């Protein structure tokens, strides 16, 4: 695992913790789900 991917994973966890602190977990989960769905759709489109 490279330094860059390790750093990104750390930031993802950090942002999850920050969302919990600020009480915006639902919003973050929704955005993550939307991003994953969009990514899958685009992947199928341009495959």
C-alpha atoms as a PDB file:
ATOM      1  CA  UNK A   1       0.000   0.000   0.000  1.00  0.00           C
ATOM      2  CA  UNK A   2       1.447   3.304  -1.036  1.00  0.00           C
ATOM      3  CA  UNK A   3       1.782   6.440   1.007  1.00  0.00           C
ATOM      4  CA  UNK A   4      -0.884   8.260  -0.983  1.00  0.00           C
ATOM      5  CA  UNK A   5      -3.576   5.588  -0.527  1.00  0.00           C
ATOM      6  CA  UNK A   6      -2.742   5.308   3.181  1.00  0.00           C
ATOM      7  CA  UNK A   7      -3.089   9.059   3.523  1.00  0.00           C
ATOM      8  CA  UNK A   8      -6.455   9.061   1.730  1.00  0.00           C
ATOM      9  CA  UNK A   9      -7.786   6.271   3.973  1.00  0.00           C
ATOM     10  CA  UNK A  10      -6.666   8.226   7.026  1.00  0.00           C
ATOM     11  CA  UNK A  11      -8.445  11.338   5.763  1.00  0.00           C
ATOM     12  CA  UNK A  12     -11.629   9.363   5.064  1.00  0.00           C
ATOM     13  CA  UNK A  13     -11.691   8.140   8.666  1.00  0.00           C
ATOM     14  CA  UNK A  14     -10.815  11.613   9.948  1.00  0.00           C
ATOM     15  CA  UNK A  15     -13.736  13.115   8.017  1.00  0.00           C
ATOM     16  CA  UNK A  16     -16.086  10.437   9.380  1.00  0.00           C
ATOM     17  CA  UNK A  17     -15.074  11.349  12.926  1.00  0.00           C
ATOM     18  CA  UNK A  18     -15.519  15.040  12.141  1.00  0.00           C
ATOM     19  CA  UNK A  19     -19.020  14.390  10.757  1.00  0.00           C
ATOM     20  CA  UNK A  20     -19.934  12.521  13.945  1.00  0.00           C
ATOM     21  CA  UNK A  21     -18.678  15.428  16.053  1.00  0.00           C
ATOM     22  CA  UNK A  22     -20.689  17.946  14.045  1.00  0.00           C
ATOM     23  CA  UNK A  23     -23.795  15.749  13.902  1.00  0.00           C
ATOM     24  CA  UNK A  24     -23.853  15.483  10.112  1.00  0.00           C
ATOM     25  CA  UNK A  25     -23.485  11.728   9.774  1.00  0.00           C
ATOM     26  CA  UNK A  26     -26.687  11.239   7.761  1.00  0.00           C
ATOM     27  CA  UNK A  27     -25.659  13.840   5.221  1.00  0.00           C
ATOM     28  CA  UNK A  28     -22.227  12.239   4.832  1.00  0.00           C
ATOM     29  CA  UNK A  29     -23.670   8.752   4.398  1.00  0.00           C
ATOM     30  CA  UNK A  30     -26.087  10.046   1.759  1.00  0.00           C
ATOM     31  CA  UNK A  31     -23.345  11.796  -0.171  1.00  0.00           C
ATOM     32  CA  UNK A  32     -21.116   8.732  -0.034  1.00  0.00           C
ATOM     33  CA  UNK A  33     -23.900   6.487  -1.318  1.00  0.00           C
ATOM     34  CA  UNK A  34     -24.706   8.948  -4.110  1.00  0.00           C
ATOM     35  CA  UNK A  35     -21.038   9.114  -5.083  1.00  0.00           C
ATOM     36  CA  UNK A  36     -20.718   5.342  -5.225  1.00  0.00           C
ATOM     37  CA  UNK A  37     -23.872   5.009  -7.332  1.00  0.00           C
ATOM     38  CA  UNK A  38     -22.683   7.714  -9.723  1.00  0.00           C
ATOM     39  CA  UNK A  39     -19.283   6.045 -10.020  1.00  0.00           C
ATOM     40  CA  UNK A  40     -20.826   2.670 -10.832  1.00  0.00           C
ATOM     41  CA  UNK A  41     -23.140   4.218 -13.423  1.00  0.00           C
ATOM     42  CA  UNK A  42     -20.319   6.094 -15.125  1.00  0.00           C
ATOM     43  CA  UNK A  43     -18.156   2.987 -15.088  1.00  0.00           C
ATOM     44  CA  UNK A  44     -20.857   1.023 -16.910  1.00  0.00           C
ATOM     45  CA  UNK A  45     -21.382   3.870 -19.363  1.00  0.00           C
ATOM     46  CA  UNK A  46     -17.752   4.231 -20.384  1.00  0.00           C
ATOM     47  CA  UNK A  47     -16.689   0.605 -20.156  1.00  0.00           C
END
